[in-house]
Structure formats: C-alpha cells, structure tokens
C-alpha cells in the first residue's frame, strides 16, 4: 500500500470482529513501534500487549466502552519517566511526544496489515495503573484496541492546510 493511501485509509475503529490476530502481525506491529524515532533515541517506552479474552471487566475499568474490549488485544504505550529525554534550555520532557510517535507507528502498521485501532487517551489513569500493575515511574500514556474492523470508515472532517500551515513566520 502506498504511504499516502495508508494515511488516507487509517480511521478510528470502534467495532471489531472476534477473528484472532495472527502472532506474526502482532510482531510486525511491535517491530514498527521499536523502530519509531524518539528524542535522543532513548526509547523511554514500554508496550503492554493485553489479551482481552477473560479480562473484559477489569479492562473496562480503564475505558468503559464495550468496543474497547471487543478486539482480541488492547495495547498500552507506557512511558518510563527516568528514561525520557529532557531539553536543557527549559526542562521540557519529551516522554509524551515519544509515546505519541510510537503509537502512530503502531496505528499505521496495523492499518497496513488490515487491522483496526483507535487512539484512546480519555482513560482512567488510576484504574490503568492498578489493572496493569504498573510500577512507580511508569505512566500509561495511550491505549488502543487491536483487531479486525467490523465497521466502515466515516468521512474524515479535517481543517484545510491553509488553516494549519504557516510559512516563514506566524
């Protein structure tokens, strides 16, 4: 699939079939995540691959939508605070940026393999910490279900580039 077609075909999937996801595809997606660029190449992330079968109730504590646990997997990109790069000039921590890049690689790789995802940031972080048994210094940043879509994309509503891009100065 052409890269630009891949970008156009990606959408937020909110319905999944119960078809199992092949281990090979999961590994390809994880490899795409591993290759994602991160600040100073620190790779301050960990990915939790969670099988949903039998864990639906506890996973819904993290995000209550039924479709969140309808896919065979839920992935969580966690940030390891002690490994994050921090800009010297102002102390800005790039952990969230790195996690976002990793998740974007996951989402695009999944789309290229015919799988669906949906970026979830509106989750309960305390429930996530408890359910996933995260140690201190590890933060859940982004979740996505991972499975075969059981819906169709809707038309995308996006701003025109003229409203988003500036050249040379603001």
N, C-alpha and C. Protein backbone atom coordinates (compact mmCIF):
# COMPACT_ATOMS: atom_id res chain seq x y z
N UNK A 1 0.85 -1.18 0.00
CA UNK A 1 0.00 0.00 0.00
C UNK A 1 0.90 1.24 0.00
N UNK A 2 0.62 2.17 -0.88
CA UNK A 2 1.30 3.45 -0.93
C UNK A 2 1.13 4.17 0.41
N UNK A 3 2.17 4.87 0.85
CA UNK A 3 2.13 5.54 2.15
C UNK A 3 0.97 6.52 2.27
N UNK A 4 0.72 7.28 1.24
CA UNK A 4 -0.34 8.29 1.32
C UNK A 4 -1.72 7.64 1.31
N UNK A 5 -1.85 6.52 0.62
CA UNK A 5 -3.10 5.76 0.69
C UNK A 5 -3.29 5.18 2.08
N UNK A 6 -2.20 4.73 2.70
CA UNK A 6 -2.24 4.23 4.07
C UNK A 6 -2.76 5.31 5.02
N UNK A 7 -2.24 6.50 4.89
CA UNK A 7 -2.69 7.60 5.75
C UNK A 7 -4.17 7.90 5.52
N UNK A 8 -4.59 7.90 4.26
CA UNK A 8 -6.00 8.17 3.97
C UNK A 8 -6.92 7.05 4.48
N UNK A 9 -6.43 5.81 4.51
CA UNK A 9 -7.30 4.69 4.89
C UNK A 9 -7.37 4.46 6.40
N UNK A 10 -6.46 5.02 7.17
CA UNK A 10 -6.50 4.87 8.61
C UNK A 10 -7.71 5.59 9.19
N UNK A 11 -8.40 4.92 10.09
CA UNK A 11 -9.51 5.57 10.79
C UNK A 11 -9.64 4.97 12.18
N UNK A 12 -10.40 5.63 13.02
CA UNK A 12 -10.62 5.16 14.39
C UNK A 12 -11.70 4.10 14.38
N UNK A 13 -11.29 2.86 14.61
CA UNK A 13 -12.20 1.72 14.56
C UNK A 13 -12.89 1.57 15.92
N UNK A 14 -14.21 1.49 15.88
CA UNK A 14 -14.99 1.35 17.11
C UNK A 14 -15.90 0.12 17.10
N UNK A 15 -15.56 -0.82 16.22
CA UNK A 15 -16.26 -2.12 16.18
C UNK A 15 -15.26 -3.13 15.63
N UNK A 16 -15.18 -4.27 16.31
CA UNK A 16 -14.19 -5.29 15.95
C UNK A 16 -14.85 -6.65 15.83
N UNK A 17 -14.31 -7.48 14.93
CA UNK A 17 -14.75 -8.87 14.85
C UNK A 17 -14.02 -9.66 15.94
N UNK A 18 -14.44 -10.91 16.13
CA UNK A 18 -13.74 -11.75 17.10
C UNK A 18 -12.65 -12.58 16.43
N UNK A 19 -12.35 -12.30 15.18
CA UNK A 19 -11.30 -13.01 14.45
C UNK A 19 -9.96 -12.81 15.15
N UNK A 20 -9.24 -13.88 15.43
CA UNK A 20 -7.92 -13.75 16.09
C UNK A 20 -6.94 -12.99 15.21
N UNK A 21 -6.06 -12.26 15.85
CA UNK A 21 -4.99 -11.56 15.15
C UNK A 21 -3.77 -12.48 15.15
N UNK A 22 -3.22 -12.67 13.98
CA UNK A 22 -2.08 -13.55 13.83
C UNK A 22 -0.87 -13.02 14.60
N UNK A 23 -0.15 -13.92 15.27
CA UNK A 23 1.03 -13.53 16.05
C UNK A 23 2.05 -12.80 15.18
N UNK A 24 2.20 -13.24 13.94
CA UNK A 24 3.15 -12.60 13.04
C UNK A 24 2.81 -11.12 12.84
N UNK A 25 1.53 -10.82 12.72
CA UNK A 25 1.12 -9.43 12.55
C UNK A 25 1.39 -8.61 13.82
N UNK A 26 1.12 -9.20 14.96
CA UNK A 26 1.42 -8.51 16.23
C UNK A 26 2.91 -8.19 16.29
N UNK A 27 3.74 -9.15 15.92
CA UNK A 27 5.20 -8.93 15.97
C UNK A 27 5.64 -7.86 14.97
N UNK A 28 5.03 -7.83 13.80
CA UNK A 28 5.35 -6.78 12.82
C UNK A 28 5.00 -5.40 13.37
N UNK A 29 3.87 -5.31 14.03
CA UNK A 29 3.44 -4.03 14.62
C UNK A 29 4.40 -3.62 15.73
N UNK A 30 4.79 -4.55 16.56
CA UNK A 30 5.73 -4.24 17.65
C UNK A 30 7.10 -3.83 17.10
N UNK A 31 7.50 -4.43 15.99
CA UNK A 31 8.76 -4.04 15.36
C UNK A 31 8.66 -2.62 14.81
N UNK A 32 7.54 -2.28 14.23
CA UNK A 32 7.34 -0.90 13.75
C UNK A 32 7.43 0.07 14.92
N UNK A 33 6.88 -0.29 16.06
CA UNK A 33 6.96 0.56 17.25
C UNK A 33 8.41 0.69 17.72
N UNK A 34 9.14 -0.40 17.71
CA UNK A 34 10.54 -0.38 18.15
C UNK A 34 11.38 0.55 17.29
N UNK A 35 11.05 0.65 16.02
CA UNK A 35 11.81 1.48 15.08
C UNK A 35 11.40 2.95 15.09
N UNK A 36 10.39 3.29 15.87
CA UNK A 36 9.92 4.68 15.92
C UNK A 36 11.02 5.60 16.46
N UNK A 37 11.14 6.78 15.89
CA UNK A 37 12.12 7.73 16.43
C UNK A 37 11.66 8.27 17.78
N UNK A 38 12.61 8.43 18.67
CA UNK A 38 12.35 9.05 19.98
C UNK A 38 13.46 10.05 20.26
N UNK A 39 13.19 10.98 21.13
CA UNK A 39 14.16 12.03 21.45
C UNK A 39 15.46 11.41 21.95
N UNK A 40 16.56 11.79 21.31
CA UNK A 40 17.89 11.28 21.64
C UNK A 40 17.96 9.75 21.57
N UNK A 41 17.02 9.16 20.84
CA UNK A 41 16.91 7.70 20.70
C UNK A 41 16.90 6.97 22.05
N UNK A 42 16.31 7.59 23.02
CA UNK A 42 16.27 6.99 24.37
C UNK A 42 15.29 5.82 24.48
N UNK A 43 14.28 5.79 23.65
CA UNK A 43 13.23 4.76 23.68
C UNK A 43 12.67 4.58 25.11
N UNK A 44 12.12 5.66 25.67
CA UNK A 44 11.63 5.61 27.05
C UNK A 44 10.20 5.08 27.15
N UNK A 45 9.94 4.01 26.45
CA UNK A 45 8.58 3.46 26.42
C UNK A 45 8.63 1.95 26.61
N UNK A 46 7.49 1.45 27.02
CA UNK A 46 7.24 0.01 27.04
C UNK A 46 5.83 -0.18 26.50
N UNK A 47 5.63 -1.29 25.82
CA UNK A 47 4.31 -1.58 25.26
C UNK A 47 3.75 -2.80 25.97
N UNK A 48 2.58 -2.64 26.53
CA UNK A 48 1.88 -3.77 27.12
C UNK A 48 0.92 -4.32 26.08
N UNK A 49 1.03 -5.61 25.80
CA UNK A 49 0.15 -6.30 24.87
C UNK A 49 -0.78 -7.14 25.74
N UNK A 50 -2.05 -6.79 25.75
CA UNK A 50 -3.01 -7.39 26.68
C UNK A 50 -4.05 -8.16 25.89
N UNK A 51 -4.17 -9.45 26.16
CA UNK A 51 -5.25 -10.23 25.56
C UNK A 51 -6.53 -9.89 26.31
N UNK A 52 -7.56 -9.58 25.56
CA UNK A 52 -8.80 -9.13 26.19
C UNK A 52 -9.66 -10.27 26.71
N UNK A 53 -9.56 -11.45 26.11
CA UNK A 53 -10.43 -12.57 26.50
C UNK A 53 -10.28 -12.88 27.98
N UNK A 54 -11.41 -12.84 28.68
CA UNK A 54 -11.43 -13.13 30.10
C UNK A 54 -11.06 -11.96 30.99
N UNK A 55 -10.65 -10.84 30.39
CA UNK A 55 -10.26 -9.66 31.16
C UNK A 55 -11.14 -8.45 30.87
N UNK A 56 -12.24 -8.69 30.18
CA UNK A 56 -13.09 -7.58 29.73
C UNK A 56 -13.52 -6.67 30.87
N UNK A 57 -13.99 -7.23 31.97
CA UNK A 57 -14.50 -6.40 33.07
C UNK A 57 -13.42 -5.51 33.65
N UNK A 58 -12.25 -6.05 33.92
CA UNK A 58 -11.20 -5.22 34.51
C UNK A 58 -10.67 -4.20 33.51
N UNK A 59 -10.60 -4.56 32.23
CA UNK A 59 -10.15 -3.60 31.23
C UNK A 59 -11.15 -2.47 31.03
N UNK A 60 -12.44 -2.78 31.19
CA UNK A 60 -13.46 -1.71 31.09
C UNK A 60 -13.36 -0.73 32.25
N UNK A 61 -12.67 -1.06 33.31
CA UNK A 61 -12.39 -0.09 34.37
C UNK A 61 -11.48 1.01 33.84
N UNK A 62 -10.62 0.65 32.89
CA UNK A 62 -9.69 1.62 32.30
C UNK A 62 -10.43 2.53 31.33
N UNK A 63 -11.26 1.94 30.48
CA UNK A 63 -12.05 2.69 29.50
C UNK A 63 -13.34 1.91 29.31
N UNK A 64 -14.45 2.51 29.59
CA UNK A 64 -15.70 1.77 29.77
C UNK A 64 -16.44 1.35 28.50
N UNK A 65 -16.03 1.82 27.34
CA UNK A 65 -16.75 1.47 26.12
C UNK A 65 -16.62 -0.01 25.81
N UNK A 66 -17.72 -0.62 25.44
CA UNK A 66 -17.73 -2.06 25.14
C UNK A 66 -16.77 -2.41 24.01
N UNK A 67 -16.71 -1.58 22.98
CA UNK A 67 -15.86 -1.88 21.83
C UNK A 67 -14.38 -1.87 22.19
N UNK A 68 -14.01 -1.23 23.30
CA UNK A 68 -12.61 -1.20 23.75
C UNK A 68 -12.08 -2.61 23.98
N UNK A 69 -12.93 -3.50 24.44
CA UNK A 69 -12.50 -4.86 24.75
C UNK A 69 -13.04 -5.90 23.76
N UNK A 70 -13.60 -5.44 22.65
CA UNK A 70 -14.15 -6.36 21.65
C UNK A 70 -13.07 -6.96 20.76
N UNK A 71 -11.96 -6.25 20.61
CA UNK A 71 -10.84 -6.76 19.82
C UNK A 71 -10.07 -7.79 20.63
N UNK A 72 -9.32 -8.65 19.97
CA UNK A 72 -8.54 -9.65 20.70
C UNK A 72 -7.45 -9.08 21.62
N UNK A 73 -6.98 -7.87 21.28
CA UNK A 73 -5.92 -7.25 22.07
C UNK A 73 -6.24 -5.81 22.39
N UNK A 74 -5.66 -5.36 23.48
CA UNK A 74 -5.54 -3.94 23.79
C UNK A 74 -4.05 -3.70 23.99
N UNK A 75 -3.54 -2.65 23.37
CA UNK A 75 -2.14 -2.27 23.56
C UNK A 75 -2.09 -0.98 24.36
N UNK A 76 -1.10 -0.89 25.24
CA UNK A 76 -0.88 0.33 26.00
C UNK A 76 0.57 0.74 25.84
N UNK A 77 0.79 1.98 25.40
CA UNK A 77 2.14 2.53 25.37
C UNK A 77 2.33 3.26 26.69
N UNK A 78 3.33 2.80 27.44
CA UNK A 78 3.66 3.40 28.73
C UNK A 78 4.97 4.17 28.60
N UNK A 79 5.11 5.23 29.36
CA UNK A 79 6.34 5.99 29.40
C UNK A 79 7.12 5.68 30.66
N UNK A 80 8.43 5.54 30.50
CA UNK A 80 9.33 5.32 31.63
C UNK A 80 10.00 6.66 31.92
N UNK A 81 9.53 7.32 32.95
CA UNK A 81 9.94 8.69 33.23
C UNK A 81 11.44 8.86 33.34
N UNK A 82 12.12 7.96 33.99
CA UNK A 82 13.56 8.08 34.22
C UNK A 82 14.38 7.98 32.94
N UNK A 83 13.78 7.46 31.87
CA UNK A 83 14.49 7.29 30.61
C UNK A 83 14.22 8.40 29.60
N UNK A 84 13.31 9.30 29.92
CA UNK A 84 12.91 10.35 28.98
C UNK A 84 14.00 11.38 28.79
N UNK A 85 14.08 11.90 27.57
CA UNK A 85 15.00 12.99 27.28
C UNK A 85 14.33 14.29 27.71
N UNK A 86 15.12 15.18 28.31
CA UNK A 86 14.64 16.48 28.76
C UNK A 86 15.51 17.56 28.12
N UNK A 87 14.85 18.54 27.52
CA UNK A 87 15.57 19.64 26.88
C UNK A 87 16.23 20.51 27.94
N UNK A 88 17.51 20.77 27.82
CA UNK A 88 18.26 21.55 28.81
C UNK A 88 17.76 22.98 28.96
N UNK A 89 17.42 23.61 27.85
CA UNK A 89 17.10 25.03 27.87
C UNK A 89 15.88 25.36 28.73
N UNK A 90 14.88 24.50 28.75
CA UNK A 90 13.67 24.84 29.50
C UNK A 90 13.11 23.68 30.33
N UNK A 91 13.79 22.54 30.33
CA UNK A 91 13.34 21.42 31.14
C UNK A 91 12.15 20.66 30.58
N UNK A 92 11.82 20.91 29.32
CA UNK A 92 10.68 20.20 28.72
C UNK A 92 10.99 18.72 28.55
N UNK A 93 10.10 17.91 29.05
CA UNK A 93 10.19 16.45 29.00
C UNK A 93 9.48 15.97 27.73
N UNK A 94 10.12 15.09 26.96
CA UNK A 94 9.56 14.63 25.69
C UNK A 94 8.92 13.25 25.76
N UNK A 95 8.61 12.77 26.95
CA UNK A 95 8.03 11.45 27.12
C UNK A 95 6.71 11.28 26.36
N UNK A 96 5.81 12.23 26.49
CA UNK A 96 4.52 12.15 25.79
C UNK A 96 4.69 12.19 24.27
N UNK A 97 5.63 13.01 23.81
CA UNK A 97 5.88 13.09 22.36
C UNK A 97 6.39 11.75 21.86
N UNK A 98 7.34 11.18 22.56
CA UNK A 98 7.89 9.88 22.16
C UNK A 98 6.80 8.81 22.13
N UNK A 99 5.97 8.78 23.15
CA UNK A 99 4.88 7.79 23.20
C UNK A 99 3.91 7.99 22.04
N UNK A 100 3.64 9.24 21.69
CA UNK A 100 2.73 9.52 20.58
C UNK A 100 3.32 9.02 19.25
N UNK A 101 4.60 9.22 19.06
CA UNK A 101 5.24 8.74 17.84
C UNK A 101 5.16 7.21 17.77
N UNK A 102 5.44 6.56 18.89
CA UNK A 102 5.37 5.09 18.95
C UNK A 102 3.96 4.62 18.62
N UNK A 103 2.97 5.25 19.22
CA UNK A 103 1.59 4.83 18.94
C UNK A 103 1.23 5.08 17.48
N UNK A 104 1.71 6.15 16.90
CA UNK A 104 1.43 6.41 15.50
C UNK A 104 2.02 5.32 14.61
N UNK A 105 3.22 4.85 14.93
CA UNK A 105 3.81 3.73 14.19
C UNK A 105 2.94 2.47 14.35
N UNK A 106 2.45 2.23 15.55
CA UNK A 106 1.57 1.09 15.80
C UNK A 106 0.31 1.19 14.95
N UNK A 107 -0.32 2.34 14.97
CA UNK A 107 -1.57 2.56 14.25
C UNK A 107 -1.37 2.39 12.74
N UNK A 108 -0.32 2.98 12.21
CA UNK A 108 -0.08 2.87 10.76
C UNK A 108 0.31 1.46 10.35
N UNK A 109 1.13 0.78 11.16
CA UNK A 109 1.49 -0.60 10.85
C UNK A 109 0.26 -1.49 10.88
N UNK A 110 -0.59 -1.31 11.87
CA UNK A 110 -1.81 -2.10 11.97
C UNK A 110 -2.69 -1.87 10.75
N UNK A 111 -2.84 -0.63 10.34
CA UNK A 111 -3.66 -0.31 9.16
C UNK A 111 -3.09 -0.98 7.92
N UNK A 112 -1.77 -0.94 7.76
CA UNK A 112 -1.14 -1.56 6.60
C UNK A 112 -1.38 -3.07 6.57
N UNK A 113 -1.58 -3.67 7.73
CA UNK A 113 -1.81 -5.11 7.83
C UNK A 113 -3.29 -5.49 7.84
N UNK A 114 -4.16 -4.51 7.61
CA UNK A 114 -5.59 -4.78 7.56
C UNK A 114 -6.26 -4.83 8.92
N UNK A 115 -5.59 -4.32 9.95
CA UNK A 115 -6.14 -4.31 11.30
C UNK A 115 -6.63 -2.93 11.67
N UNK A 116 -7.46 -2.88 12.70
CA UNK A 116 -8.02 -1.63 13.16
C UNK A 116 -7.48 -1.26 14.54
N UNK A 117 -7.48 0.04 14.79
CA UNK A 117 -7.05 0.61 16.06
C UNK A 117 -7.91 1.83 16.36
N UNK A 118 -7.83 2.31 17.57
CA UNK A 118 -8.47 3.56 17.94
C UNK A 118 -7.70 4.16 19.11
N UNK A 119 -7.10 5.29 18.86
CA UNK A 119 -6.29 6.01 19.83
C UNK A 119 -7.15 6.38 21.03
N UNK A 120 -6.79 5.92 22.23
CA UNK A 120 -7.55 6.20 23.44
C UNK A 120 -6.68 6.95 24.44
N UNK A 121 -7.03 8.20 24.69
CA UNK A 121 -6.35 8.99 25.71
C UNK A 121 -7.29 9.30 26.88
N UNK A 122 -8.59 9.14 26.68
CA UNK A 122 -9.60 9.51 27.69
C UNK A 122 -9.88 8.33 28.62
N UNK A 123 -8.82 7.74 29.15
CA UNK A 123 -8.95 6.59 30.04
C UNK A 123 -8.73 7.01 31.49
N UNK A 124 -9.04 6.13 32.41
CA UNK A 124 -8.83 6.37 33.84
C UNK A 124 -7.40 5.95 34.20
N UNK A 125 -6.50 6.90 34.42
CA UNK A 125 -5.10 6.54 34.66
C UNK A 125 -4.89 5.74 35.95
N UNK A 126 -5.67 6.02 36.98
CA UNK A 126 -5.51 5.25 38.22
C UNK A 126 -5.95 3.81 38.04
N UNK A 127 -7.06 3.61 37.36
CA UNK A 127 -7.51 2.25 37.06
C UNK A 127 -6.48 1.53 36.20
N UNK A 128 -5.91 2.23 35.23
CA UNK A 128 -4.90 1.62 34.36
C UNK A 128 -3.68 1.19 35.18
N UNK A 129 -3.24 2.05 36.06
CA UNK A 129 -2.08 1.72 36.90
C UNK A 129 -2.36 0.46 37.73
N UNK A 130 -3.55 0.40 38.28
CA UNK A 130 -3.92 -0.74 39.14
C UNK A 130 -4.10 -2.02 38.33
N UNK A 131 -4.90 -1.96 37.27
CA UNK A 131 -5.19 -3.16 36.48
C UNK A 131 -3.91 -3.71 35.84
N UNK A 132 -3.06 -2.83 35.36
CA UNK A 132 -1.85 -3.25 34.67
C UNK A 132 -0.66 -3.45 35.60
N UNK A 133 -0.86 -3.15 36.88
CA UNK A 133 0.17 -3.32 37.90
C UNK A 133 1.46 -2.58 37.54
N UNK A 134 1.30 -1.32 37.18
CA UNK A 134 2.45 -0.53 36.76
C UNK A 134 3.27 -0.08 37.96
N UNK A 135 4.57 -0.19 37.87
CA UNK A 135 5.43 0.27 38.95
C UNK A 135 5.54 1.80 38.97
N UNK A 136 6.00 2.35 40.06
CA UNK A 136 6.25 3.79 40.13
C UNK A 136 7.21 4.18 39.02
N UNK A 137 6.99 5.35 38.44
CA UNK A 137 7.86 5.84 37.38
C UNK A 137 7.48 5.37 35.99
N UNK A 138 6.43 4.55 35.91
CA UNK A 138 5.92 4.11 34.60
C UNK A 138 4.49 4.62 34.48
N UNK A 139 4.25 5.38 33.42
CA UNK A 139 2.95 6.02 33.23
C UNK A 139 2.23 5.47 32.01
N UNK A 140 0.95 5.10 32.15
CA UNK A 140 0.17 4.75 30.97
C UNK A 140 -0.11 6.03 30.18
N UNK A 141 0.19 6.02 28.90
CA UNK A 141 0.02 7.25 28.12
C UNK A 141 -1.07 7.11 27.07
N UNK A 142 -1.07 6.00 26.32
CA UNK A 142 -2.03 5.84 25.24
C UNK A 142 -2.43 4.36 25.12
N UNK A 143 -3.70 4.13 24.84
CA UNK A 143 -4.21 2.78 24.60
C UNK A 143 -4.78 2.68 23.20
N UNK A 144 -4.85 1.46 22.70
CA UNK A 144 -5.63 1.17 21.50
C UNK A 144 -6.08 -0.28 21.53
N UNK A 145 -7.32 -0.55 21.11
CA UNK A 145 -7.68 -1.93 20.79
C UNK A 145 -6.90 -2.31 19.53
N UNK A 146 -6.75 -3.60 19.30
CA UNK A 146 -6.09 -4.09 18.10
C UNK A 146 -6.84 -5.33 17.62
N UNK A 147 -7.44 -5.21 16.44
CA UNK A 147 -8.20 -6.33 15.90
C UNK A 147 -8.68 -6.03 14.49
N UNK A 148 -9.45 -6.95 13.96
CA UNK A 148 -10.02 -6.76 12.63
C UNK A 148 -11.27 -5.91 12.72
N UNK A 149 -11.35 -4.86 11.90
CA UNK A 149 -12.52 -3.97 11.94
C UNK A 149 -13.82 -4.68 11.57
N UNK A 150 -14.88 -4.25 12.23
CA UNK A 150 -16.23 -4.72 11.92
C UNK A 150 -17.12 -3.51 11.66
N UNK A 151 -16.53 -2.49 11.06
CA UNK A 151 -17.27 -1.29 10.67
C UNK A 151 -16.59 -0.69 9.46
N UNK A 152 -17.06 0.43 9.03
CA UNK A 152 -16.52 1.12 7.86
C UNK A 152 -16.14 2.55 8.27
N UNK A 153 -15.11 3.08 7.63
CA UNK A 153 -14.73 4.45 7.97
C UNK A 153 -15.80 5.45 7.56
N UNK A 154 -15.92 6.49 8.36
CA UNK A 154 -16.79 7.62 8.00
C UNK A 154 -15.92 8.68 7.32
N UNK A 155 -16.55 9.61 6.68
CA UNK A 155 -15.80 10.69 6.04
C UNK A 155 -15.02 11.46 7.10
N UNK A 156 -13.77 11.77 6.79
CA UNK A 156 -12.93 12.50 7.73
C UNK A 156 -13.22 13.99 7.65
N UNK A 157 -13.33 14.59 8.80
CA UNK A 157 -13.50 16.03 8.89
C UNK A 157 -12.18 16.62 9.37
N UNK A 158 -11.48 17.31 8.51
CA UNK A 158 -10.20 17.90 8.84
C UNK A 158 -10.17 19.34 8.34
N UNK A 159 -9.43 20.16 9.04
CA UNK A 159 -9.22 21.53 8.58
C UNK A 159 -8.40 21.51 7.30
N UNK A 160 -8.57 22.53 6.49
CA UNK A 160 -7.78 22.70 5.28
C UNK A 160 -6.35 23.08 5.68
N UNK A 161 -5.37 22.70 4.89
CA UNK A 161 -3.98 23.03 5.23
C UNK A 161 -3.76 24.53 5.36
N UNK A 162 -4.53 25.34 4.65
CA UNK A 162 -4.36 26.80 4.75
C UNK A 162 -4.63 27.31 6.16
N UNK A 163 -5.42 26.58 6.93
CA UNK A 163 -5.68 26.98 8.30
C UNK A 163 -4.70 26.38 9.30
N UNK A 164 -3.84 25.51 8.83
CA UNK A 164 -2.92 24.80 9.73
C UNK A 164 -1.44 25.10 9.50
N UNK A 165 -1.11 25.62 8.34
CA UNK A 165 0.29 25.78 7.97
C UNK A 165 0.64 27.26 7.82
N UNK A 166 1.77 27.63 8.35
CA UNK A 166 2.34 28.98 8.19
C UNK A 166 3.71 28.83 7.56
N UNK A 167 4.12 29.80 6.78
CA UNK A 167 5.45 29.77 6.16
C UNK A 167 6.28 30.97 6.65
N UNK A 168 7.47 30.68 7.05
CA UNK A 168 8.49 31.64 7.44
C UNK A 168 8.26 32.34 8.78
N UNK A 169 7.03 32.62 9.15
CA UNK A 169 6.72 33.22 10.45
C UNK A 169 5.24 33.03 10.72
N UNK A 170 4.79 33.35 11.90
CA UNK A 170 3.40 33.14 12.27
C UNK A 170 2.51 33.99 11.41
